[in-house]
Amino acid sequence: MTRVCEPEEDPIVKFLALKRWKEAASHALKHQHLREEIKDGLLNLIRKECEALCSRKNDFILWKSKQADLKSFSFISLRDDLHRLAPFLLKMFNCISNDNNFAACTAAAIAIRGRQPRMAALSYWINTILQYGGAKKSVFNRLSQLSITTSHKRAVKKQQELALACGAEFIQFKSGFNATDSDLLEASHSLEDLHLSDENDTPAPRPEDHRVACPQSYSIIMDNLDFFVHTYNQSISSSNKSIHWIHHIAVQDRIPTDHISNIKPTTDIQQYRLRSSLPQQSTQGFLRCEFTILATRMMTKHMAAFESFGDTVVHHIPHLYSSEMSRKSTDFPLGLFFKDENQRSDLTEVLRRIQEEYMPTDPDGVQHLLIGGDRLTEANCRNIQWQYSDADTEEGRMEGLHFKFEDWHAIRVLFEIHHKIFFTESAKDHGTLFANMTKLSFRRL
């Protein structure tokens, strides 16, 4: 049976016969009735992809809201999962957002949570950002209605769940890097090779030329967390509160020193030779090389004739641990002590807990742990240690705890004092930072 196509349908059939799909689709979208059917087909496709996303068996990333899952959450993983289960949906959001992957993935996650509220991994991730910024309860209650966050109650519950796992990485790190007798014995043999004997006149290599593989060490850093809670309606039972807590972290030492014994020398006194400690020809060679670098710095800095060579000067003398010291420190957040360090009983409890939980094991029988903080923290901790100096055991006297002052705190205090003295918001005060900044701005113009 032969059928004559309508003028509106003729180009569609023609391009389909020629397998020119782009032109056929373009004309199909112009067809009034066919366009509506195509829309329904696309909606069915999106509906099926949404059902695939909401199915537990497909293991979509938004279902994973546990502590370890939230820690490894990333928009790259979210994009890959959307591309795996809902490629057409992802393309649609990419088209709307002009190929902004972050906006497309966020919009898709918020939209799919409107379909299935339990797919809240992104919402919990946003919760942590808002909680870190100090968002109030009303913020969560409003944004939860838009499926952007969860309710404030669920956000607090998840925060408590995450807090329970705080320090788990450090415990794993500590258990995996405890020093053993074999480690220290191997390290001591490596150190013995660095010393000279009477029969060997060969210059000894520099100690840093021999790396010793040994467990990583760490220290505990403490600082105050002080804030003030204002009460709108004050009464006898409800008044303003001044909160003083202690925040502490564990910082991995960049350069390990566990191969050095704390109770015995590296060399037997009977085997020691004085010439091992005297400068040798190799030492003088290294010293001359470093003096040459220092001289070139001064020449290019203070002598105009050599300024053109400033780019070729070594501005930092490389050493064995240059790469380690140039990297960012590895730290492990350990949470809060809800104690006030200005109270002796509270600080004593904190130090006892640090001694029990974070003290590293030591085959020599003496445990040592560096604890850093500001000047006040150092003084308070030393006073507590002196208070228990008459205890019967080393643990009772807290002999393994060594308190130190962190330089970064002194620099921070210096900047605060400098800002307080020299900074005012008046351009008329000559010599202040604000006035100098204004002058520089006009000069640039």
Protein backbone atom coordinates (compact mmCIF):
# COMPACT_ATOMS: atom_id res chain seq x y z
CA MET A 1 0.00 0.00 0.00
CA THR A 2 1.46 3.32 -1.04
CA ARG A 3 1.12 6.35 1.20
CA VAL A 4 1.93 9.90 0.31
CA CYS A 5 3.74 11.80 3.06
CA GLU A 6 2.56 15.14 4.19
CA PRO A 7 4.85 18.07 3.31
CA GLU A 8 5.78 18.35 7.00
CA GLU A 9 6.76 14.65 7.18
CA ASP A 10 8.48 14.34 3.82
CA PRO A 11 11.94 15.67 4.84
CA ILE A 12 11.93 13.47 7.94
CA VAL A 13 11.35 10.30 5.91
CA LYS A 14 13.82 11.42 3.26
CA PHE A 15 16.69 12.02 5.70
CA LEU A 16 15.91 8.79 7.57
CA ALA A 17 16.21 6.86 4.31
CA LEU A 18 19.53 8.57 3.61
CA LYS A 19 20.70 7.89 7.21
CA ARG A 20 21.34 11.54 7.79
CA TRP A 21 20.33 11.42 11.42
CA LYS A 22 21.13 15.00 12.39
CA GLU A 23 18.90 16.52 9.70
CA ALA A 24 16.17 13.96 10.44
CA ALA A 25 16.22 14.79 14.15
CA SER A 26 16.19 18.51 13.40
CA HIS A 27 13.07 18.21 11.24
CA ALA A 28 11.44 15.80 13.72
CA LEU A 29 11.69 18.41 16.45
CA LYS A 30 9.88 20.85 14.18
CA HIS A 31 6.98 18.45 13.73
CA GLN A 32 4.23 19.48 16.15
CA HIS A 33 2.99 16.01 17.16
CA LEU A 34 6.33 14.21 16.82
CA ARG A 35 8.05 16.80 19.04
CA GLU A 36 5.70 15.99 21.92
CA GLU A 37 6.38 12.27 21.53
CA ILE A 38 10.13 12.92 21.54
CA LYS A 39 9.74 14.92 24.75
CA ASP A 40 7.86 12.05 26.38
CA GLY A 41 10.56 9.63 25.25
CA LEU A 42 13.30 11.82 26.72
CA LEU A 43 11.39 12.12 29.97
CA ASN A 44 11.08 8.34 30.14
CA LEU A 45 14.83 8.05 29.56
CA ILE A 46 15.54 10.53 32.40
CA ARG A 47 13.06 8.68 34.63
CA LYS A 48 14.84 5.36 34.03
CA GLU A 49 18.24 6.93 34.75
CA CYS A 50 16.88 8.41 38.00
CA GLU A 51 15.58 4.99 39.00
CA ALA A 52 19.04 3.57 38.33
CA LEU A 53 20.59 6.26 40.54
CA CYS A 54 18.12 5.56 43.36
CA SER A 55 18.67 1.80 43.25
CA ARG A 56 20.85 0.55 46.10
CA LYS A 57 22.37 -2.23 44.02
CA ASN A 58 24.05 0.27 41.66
CA ASP A 59 26.18 1.64 44.52
CA PHE A 60 25.74 5.32 43.70
CA ILE A 61 28.07 7.62 45.63
CA LEU A 62 25.26 9.70 47.17
CA TRP A 63 24.13 6.66 49.15
CA LYS A 64 27.49 6.55 50.97
CA SER A 65 27.37 8.87 53.99
CA LYS A 66 29.58 7.08 56.52
CA GLN A 67 32.67 8.69 58.02
CA ALA A 68 35.17 7.06 55.64
CA ASP A 69 32.94 7.71 52.61
CA LEU A 70 32.50 11.41 53.41
CA LYS A 71 36.23 11.79 53.86
CA SER A 72 36.93 10.41 50.38
CA PHE A 73 34.01 12.26 48.74
CA SER A 74 34.94 14.29 45.68
CA PHE A 75 33.15 15.90 42.76
CA ILE A 76 35.27 13.84 40.38
CA SER A 77 33.85 10.63 41.85
CA LEU A 78 30.34 12.11 41.73
CA ARG A 79 30.78 13.07 38.07
CA ASP A 80 32.11 9.60 37.18
CA ASP A 81 29.17 7.92 38.91
CA LEU A 82 26.67 10.19 37.14
CA HIS A 83 28.35 9.44 33.82
CA ARG A 84 28.17 5.70 34.59
CA LEU A 85 24.50 5.55 35.63
CA ALA A 86 22.87 8.65 34.11
CA PRO A 87 24.87 9.97 31.15
CA PHE A 88 21.92 11.75 29.54
CA LEU A 89 20.95 13.44 32.81
CA LEU A 90 24.54 14.63 33.28
CA LYS A 91 24.66 16.01 29.73
CA MET A 92 21.45 17.91 30.35
CA PHE A 93 22.81 19.59 33.49
CA ASN A 94 26.12 20.28 31.73
CA CYS A 95 24.21 22.02 28.95
CA ILE A 96 22.29 24.14 31.47
CA SER A 97 25.45 25.08 33.40
CA ASN A 98 27.55 25.74 30.27
CA ASP A 99 29.82 22.72 30.97
CA ASN A 100 30.53 23.73 34.57
CA ASN A 101 31.12 20.30 36.10
CA PHE A 102 30.88 21.48 39.71
CA ALA A 103 27.56 23.24 39.13
CA ALA A 104 26.17 20.38 37.05
CA CYS A 105 27.08 17.70 39.61
CA THR A 106 25.76 19.79 42.51
CA ALA A 107 22.49 20.53 40.73
CA ALA A 108 22.04 16.86 39.82
CA ALA A 109 22.74 15.74 43.40
CA ILE A 110 20.28 18.23 44.87
CA ALA A 111 17.63 17.31 42.31
CA ILE A 112 17.99 13.55 42.86
CA ARG A 113 17.75 14.06 46.64
CA GLY A 114 14.32 15.56 46.08
CA ARG A 115 13.40 12.14 44.69
CA GLN A 116 15.17 10.11 47.39
CA PRO A 117 15.93 12.05 50.64
CA ARG A 118 18.29 9.34 51.94
CA MET A 119 20.80 10.06 49.17
CA ALA A 120 22.37 12.79 51.29
CA ALA A 121 26.15 12.40 50.93
CA LEU A 122 26.53 15.81 49.29
CA SER A 123 24.19 17.36 51.87
CA TYR A 124 26.33 16.04 54.73
CA TRP A 125 29.42 17.34 52.94
CA ILE A 126 27.83 20.80 52.70
CA ASN A 127 26.83 20.50 56.37
CA THR A 128 30.47 20.25 57.43
CA ILE A 129 31.32 23.44 55.52
CA LEU A 130 28.46 25.36 57.12
CA GLN A 131 29.28 24.03 60.59
CA TYR A 132 32.92 25.01 60.17
CA GLY A 133 31.77 28.52 59.23
CA GLY A 134 29.52 28.75 62.28
CA ALA A 135 26.14 28.65 60.52
CA LYS A 136 23.13 28.86 62.82
CA LYS A 137 20.30 26.38 63.21
CA SER A 138 17.93 28.47 61.11
CA VAL A 139 20.31 28.19 58.12
CA PHE A 140 20.06 24.39 58.14
CA ASN A 141 16.30 24.44 58.61
CA ARG A 142 15.83 26.68 55.57
CA LEU A 143 18.34 24.98 53.28
CA SER A 144 17.05 21.52 54.21
CA GLN A 145 13.70 22.45 52.68
CA LEU A 146 15.56 23.01 49.40
CA SER A 147 17.30 19.60 49.72
CA ILE A 148 20.67 21.37 49.90
CA THR A 149 21.45 20.33 53.47
CA THR A 150 19.93 18.03 56.05
CA SER A 151 18.10 19.24 59.12
CA HIS A 152 20.14 20.73 61.94
CA LYS A 153 19.44 17.71 64.14
CA ARG A 154 20.84 15.29 61.58
CA ALA A 155 23.79 17.58 60.92
CA VAL A 156 24.74 17.61 64.62
CA LYS A 157 24.29 13.84 64.84
CA LYS A 158 26.60 13.30 61.87
CA GLN A 159 29.13 15.71 63.38
CA GLN A 160 29.18 13.65 66.57
CA GLU A 161 29.64 10.50 64.49
CA LEU A 162 32.61 12.05 62.70
CA ALA A 163 34.08 13.20 66.02
CA LEU A 164 34.13 9.62 67.32
CA ALA A 165 36.49 8.65 64.50
CA CYS A 166 38.81 11.60 65.16
CA GLY A 167 42.33 10.31 65.75
CA ALA A 168 41.77 6.95 64.08
CA GLU A 169 44.40 7.69 61.43
CA PHE A 170 46.90 8.66 64.09
CA ILE A 171 46.28 5.46 66.04
CA GLN A 172 46.91 3.47 62.86
CA PHE A 173 50.03 5.53 62.15
CA LYS A 174 51.29 5.07 65.72
CA SER A 175 50.72 1.32 65.73
CA GLY A 176 52.50 0.94 62.39
CA PHE A 177 55.62 2.92 63.30
CA ASN A 178 56.57 1.77 66.79
CA ALA A 179 60.30 1.22 67.13
CA THR A 180 61.57 -2.31 67.66
CA ASP A 181 64.89 -3.69 68.84
CA SER A 182 65.79 -4.89 65.33
CA ASP A 183 65.16 -1.41 63.88
CA LEU A 184 67.43 0.24 66.42
CA LEU A 185 70.10 -2.46 66.06
CA GLU A 186 70.20 -1.95 62.29
CA ALA A 187 70.40 1.79 62.78
CA SER A 188 73.26 1.49 65.26
CA HIS A 189 75.25 -0.64 62.80
CA SER A 190 74.76 2.08 60.18
CA LEU A 191 76.05 4.70 62.57
CA GLU A 192 79.13 2.66 63.49
CA ASP A 193 80.18 2.70 59.82
CA LEU A 194 80.53 6.48 60.02
CA HIS A 195 83.41 6.45 62.54
CA LEU A 196 87.09 6.16 61.73
CA SER A 197 89.40 3.46 62.97
CA ASP A 198 93.16 3.66 63.54
CA GLU A 199 93.90 1.55 60.48
CA ASN A 200 91.72 3.52 58.05
CA ASP A 201 92.99 6.95 56.99
CA THR A 202 90.24 7.52 54.39
CA PRO A 203 88.23 10.66 55.18
CA ALA A 204 84.89 9.76 56.72
CA PRO A 205 81.82 10.70 54.68
CA ARG A 206 79.45 13.29 56.02
CA PRO A 207 76.85 11.77 58.40
CA GLU A 208 73.99 13.05 56.28
CA ASP A 209 75.25 11.02 53.32
CA HIS A 210 73.95 7.88 55.08
CA ARG A 211 70.23 7.75 55.48
CA VAL A 212 68.97 5.45 58.20
CA ALA A 213 65.60 3.81 57.71
CA CYS A 214 63.81 4.07 61.04
CA PRO A 215 60.29 4.62 62.32
CA GLN A 216 58.73 8.05 62.06
CA SER A 217 58.40 10.07 65.26
CA TYR A 218 55.83 12.68 66.15
CA SER A 219 54.92 15.35 68.68
CA ILE A 220 51.68 16.62 70.20
CA ILE A 221 50.76 20.29 69.69
CA MET A 222 48.17 21.94 71.94
CA ASP A 223 46.47 25.31 71.83
CA ASN A 224 43.55 27.04 73.53
CA LEU A 225 40.10 27.33 72.02
CA ASP A 226 38.41 30.25 73.78
CA PHE A 227 35.03 31.76 72.93
CA PHE A 228 32.20 33.59 74.66
CA VAL A 229 28.55 32.51 74.58
CA HIS A 230 26.06 35.35 74.97
CA THR A 231 22.66 34.66 76.52
CA TYR A 232 19.83 36.87 75.35
CA ASN A 233 17.64 36.35 78.42
CA GLN A 234 19.96 36.18 81.41
CA SER A 235 18.84 34.65 84.66
CA ILE A 236 20.33 32.86 87.66
CA SER A 237 20.34 29.54 85.82
CA SER A 238 21.17 30.99 82.40
CA SER A 239 23.97 33.52 82.03
CA ASN A 240 26.84 34.39 79.71
CA LYS A 241 29.49 31.70 79.50
CA SER A 242 33.24 31.94 78.86
CA ILE A 243 34.32 28.64 77.32
CA HIS A 244 37.95 27.46 77.47
CA TRP A 245 38.81 24.18 75.73
CA ILE A 246 42.03 22.60 74.47
CA HIS A 247 42.57 21.61 70.85
CA HIS A 248 45.40 19.19 70.09
CA ILE A 249 46.94 17.59 67.02
CA ALA A 250 49.75 15.15 66.31
CA VAL A 251 52.46 16.33 63.92
CA GLN A 252 54.76 13.85 62.24
CA ASP A 253 58.43 14.80 62.44
CA ARG A 254 59.94 15.36 59.01
CA ILE A 255 63.34 14.04 60.09
CA PRO A 256 63.21 10.86 62.23
CA THR A 257 65.64 10.51 65.15
CA ASP A 258 64.53 7.19 66.62
CA HIS A 259 67.78 5.56 65.53
CA ILE A 260 69.62 7.62 68.17
CA SER A 261 69.50 6.10 71.64
CA ASN A 262 68.40 8.28 74.54
CA ILE A 263 70.32 6.42 77.27
CA LYS A 264 73.59 5.22 75.71
CA PRO A 265 76.22 6.75 73.39
CA THR A 266 76.50 5.82 69.75
CA THR A 267 80.10 4.59 70.25
CA ASP A 268 81.79 2.74 73.08
CA ILE A 269 84.16 5.08 74.97
CA GLN A 270 86.96 2.56 74.66
CA GLN A 271 86.59 2.47 70.87
CA TYR A 272 86.31 6.24 70.52
CA ARG A 273 89.11 8.12 68.77
CA LEU A 274 89.53 11.88 69.10
CA ARG A 275 90.31 12.28 65.42
CA SER A 276 86.74 11.24 64.65
CA SER A 277 85.52 14.58 66.04
CA LEU A 278 88.18 16.81 64.48
CA PRO A 279 87.67 18.58 61.14
CA GLN A 280 89.19 16.63 58.27
CA GLN A 281 90.12 17.45 54.71
CA SER A 282 86.65 16.49 53.44
CA THR A 283 85.04 18.74 56.07
CA GLN A 284 87.19 21.66 54.97
CA GLY A 285 86.20 20.99 51.36
CA PHE A 286 82.50 21.12 52.18
CA LEU A 287 83.03 24.27 54.26
CA ARG A 288 84.90 25.99 51.45
CA CYS A 289 82.11 25.16 48.99
CA GLU A 290 79.47 26.67 51.29
CA PHE A 291 81.58 29.79 51.89
CA THR A 292 81.84 30.19 48.12
CA ILE A 293 78.03 30.16 47.84
CA LEU A 294 77.73 32.75 50.61
CA ALA A 295 80.32 34.97 48.94
CA THR A 296 78.51 34.88 45.59
CA ARG A 297 75.31 35.95 47.32
CA MET A 298 76.96 38.98 48.87
CA MET A 299 78.71 39.95 45.63
CA THR A 300 75.54 39.89 43.53
CA LYS A 301 73.58 41.72 46.22
CA HIS A 302 75.97 44.53 47.18
CA MET A 303 78.24 44.94 44.12
CA ALA A 304 76.59 46.54 41.09
CA ALA A 305 79.02 44.91 38.65
CA PHE A 306 77.75 41.43 39.58
CA GLU A 307 74.01 42.14 39.87
CA SER A 308 73.34 40.61 36.45
CA PHE A 309 74.43 37.21 37.83
CA GLY A 310 71.80 37.28 40.59
CA ASP A 311 69.62 34.68 38.85
CA THR A 312 72.40 32.10 38.75
CA VAL A 313 73.31 32.30 42.45
CA VAL A 314 72.37 29.45 44.77
CA HIS A 315 69.99 31.11 47.23
CA HIS A 316 69.52 28.05 49.41
CA ILE A 317 72.34 25.62 50.11
CA PRO A 318 70.91 22.13 49.46
CA HIS A 319 71.33 19.49 52.12
CA LEU A 320 70.33 15.88 52.62
CA TYR A 321 66.88 16.70 53.96
CA SER A 322 66.01 19.61 51.65
CA SER A 323 63.12 17.74 50.03
CA GLU A 324 61.69 16.64 53.40
CA MET A 325 61.85 20.12 54.92
CA SER A 326 60.27 21.73 51.86
CA ARG A 327 57.14 19.59 52.14
CA LYS A 328 54.10 20.48 54.20
CA SER A 329 53.94 18.86 57.63
CA THR A 330 51.73 15.81 58.07
CA ASP A 331 49.36 16.35 60.96
CA PHE A 332 46.57 14.29 62.51
CA PRO A 333 43.64 16.12 64.16
CA LEU A 334 42.90 14.57 67.55
CA GLY A 335 39.87 16.58 68.57
CA LEU A 336 39.11 18.62 71.68
CA PHE A 337 39.66 18.26 75.38
CA PHE A 338 36.73 19.91 77.10
CA LYS A 339 39.06 21.13 79.82
CA ASP A 340 40.54 24.46 80.88
CA GLU A 341 44.34 24.49 80.96
CA ASN A 342 44.31 27.26 83.59
CA GLN A 343 42.72 24.79 86.02
CA ARG A 344 45.35 22.49 87.51
CA SER A 345 43.00 19.52 87.85
CA ASP A 346 41.87 19.82 84.22
CA LEU A 347 45.40 20.15 82.84
CA THR A 348 46.60 17.22 84.95
CA GLU A 349 43.84 15.06 83.50
CA VAL A 350 44.79 16.15 79.98
CA LEU A 351 48.47 15.31 80.46
CA ARG A 352 47.63 11.93 81.97
CA ARG A 353 45.44 11.12 79.01
CA ILE A 354 48.13 12.18 76.53
CA GLN A 355 50.62 10.02 78.40
CA GLU A 356 48.34 6.97 78.26
CA GLU A 357 47.08 7.27 74.68
CA TYR A 358 49.81 8.97 72.65
CA MET A 359 53.09 8.00 74.31
CA PRO A 360 55.19 5.99 71.81
CA THR A 361 56.67 2.66 72.77
CA ASP A 362 60.43 2.52 73.31
CA PRO A 363 62.56 -0.67 73.67
CA ASP A 364 64.90 1.21 76.03
CA GLY A 365 62.14 1.33 78.61
CA VAL A 366 62.00 5.14 78.74
CA GLN A 367 59.24 6.81 76.81
CA HIS A 368 59.63 10.32 75.41
CA LEU A 369 57.11 12.63 73.78
CA LEU A 370 57.44 16.29 72.82
CA ILE A 371 54.44 18.48 73.63
CA GLY A 372 54.32 21.96 72.09
CA GLY A 373 52.21 25.03 72.68
CA ASP A 374 52.42 28.70 73.57
CA ARG A 375 54.40 30.12 76.50
CA LEU A 376 51.49 29.87 78.91
CA THR A 377 50.80 26.25 77.99
CA GLU A 378 54.47 25.35 78.39
CA ALA A 379 54.66 27.00 81.82
CA ASN A 380 51.45 25.41 83.07
CA CYS A 381 52.53 21.95 81.91
CA ARG A 382 55.95 22.28 83.57
CA ASN A 383 54.30 23.32 86.83
CA ILE A 384 52.10 20.22 86.72
CA GLN A 385 55.16 18.04 86.04
CA TRP A 386 57.07 19.59 88.95
CA GLN A 387 54.06 19.05 91.17
CA TYR A 388 54.35 15.28 90.68
CA SER A 389 58.16 15.13 90.85
CA ASP A 390 58.04 13.13 94.10
CA ALA A 391 56.01 10.23 92.63
CA ASP A 392 57.34 6.68 92.88
CA THR A 393 57.42 5.78 89.18
CA GLU A 394 58.58 7.43 85.99
CA GLU A 395 55.01 7.45 84.69
CA GLY A 396 53.80 9.06 87.88
CA ARG A 397 56.44 11.79 87.57
CA MET A 398 55.57 12.28 83.87
CA GLU A 399 59.26 12.10 83.02
CA GLY A 400 58.60 11.11 79.42
CA LEU A 401 56.79 14.36 78.61
CA HIS A 402 59.02 17.14 77.29
CA PHE A 403 57.39 20.53 76.85
CA LYS A 404 58.49 23.07 74.26
CA PHE A 405 57.47 26.43 72.88
CA GLU A 406 56.28 26.64 69.26
CA ASP A 407 57.91 29.42 67.24
CA TRP A 408 54.83 29.94 65.07
CA HIS A 409 52.93 31.24 68.11
CA ALA A 410 55.61 33.88 68.77
CA ILE A 411 55.45 35.02 65.14
CA ARG A 412 51.65 35.23 65.33
CA VAL A 413 51.80 37.33 68.51
CA LEU A 414 54.42 39.57 66.91
CA PHE A 415 52.16 40.22 63.92
CA GLU A 416 49.27 41.04 66.25
CA ILE A 417 51.37 43.56 68.17
CA HIS A 418 52.75 45.03 64.94
CA HIS A 419 49.23 45.38 63.53
CA LYS A 420 47.93 46.96 66.72
CA ILE A 421 50.69 49.60 66.86
CA PHE A 422 51.19 50.50 63.20
CA PHE A 423 47.82 49.97 61.60
CA THR A 424 45.07 52.58 61.75
CA GLU A 425 42.34 53.32 59.22
CA SER A 426 43.51 56.88 58.74
CA ALA A 427 45.63 57.95 55.78
CA LYS A 428 46.69 61.12 57.65
CA ASP A 429 48.74 59.22 60.26
CA HIS A 430 52.11 59.25 58.53
CA GLY A 431 54.26 56.21 59.08
CA THR A 432 51.37 53.80 59.65
CA LEU A 433 50.68 50.82 57.43
CA PHE A 434 47.44 52.31 56.12
CA ALA A 435 49.14 55.58 55.12
CA ASN A 436 52.00 53.74 53.40
CA MET A 437 49.53 51.51 51.56
CA THR A 438 47.66 54.59 50.33
CA LYS A 439 50.88 56.18 49.05
CA LEU A 440 51.84 53.02 47.17
CA SER A 441 48.39 52.85 45.59
CA PHE A 442 48.66 56.42 44.27
CA ARG A 443 52.15 55.78 42.92
CA ARG A 444 50.92 52.76 40.95
CA LEU A 445 48.16 54.91 39.45
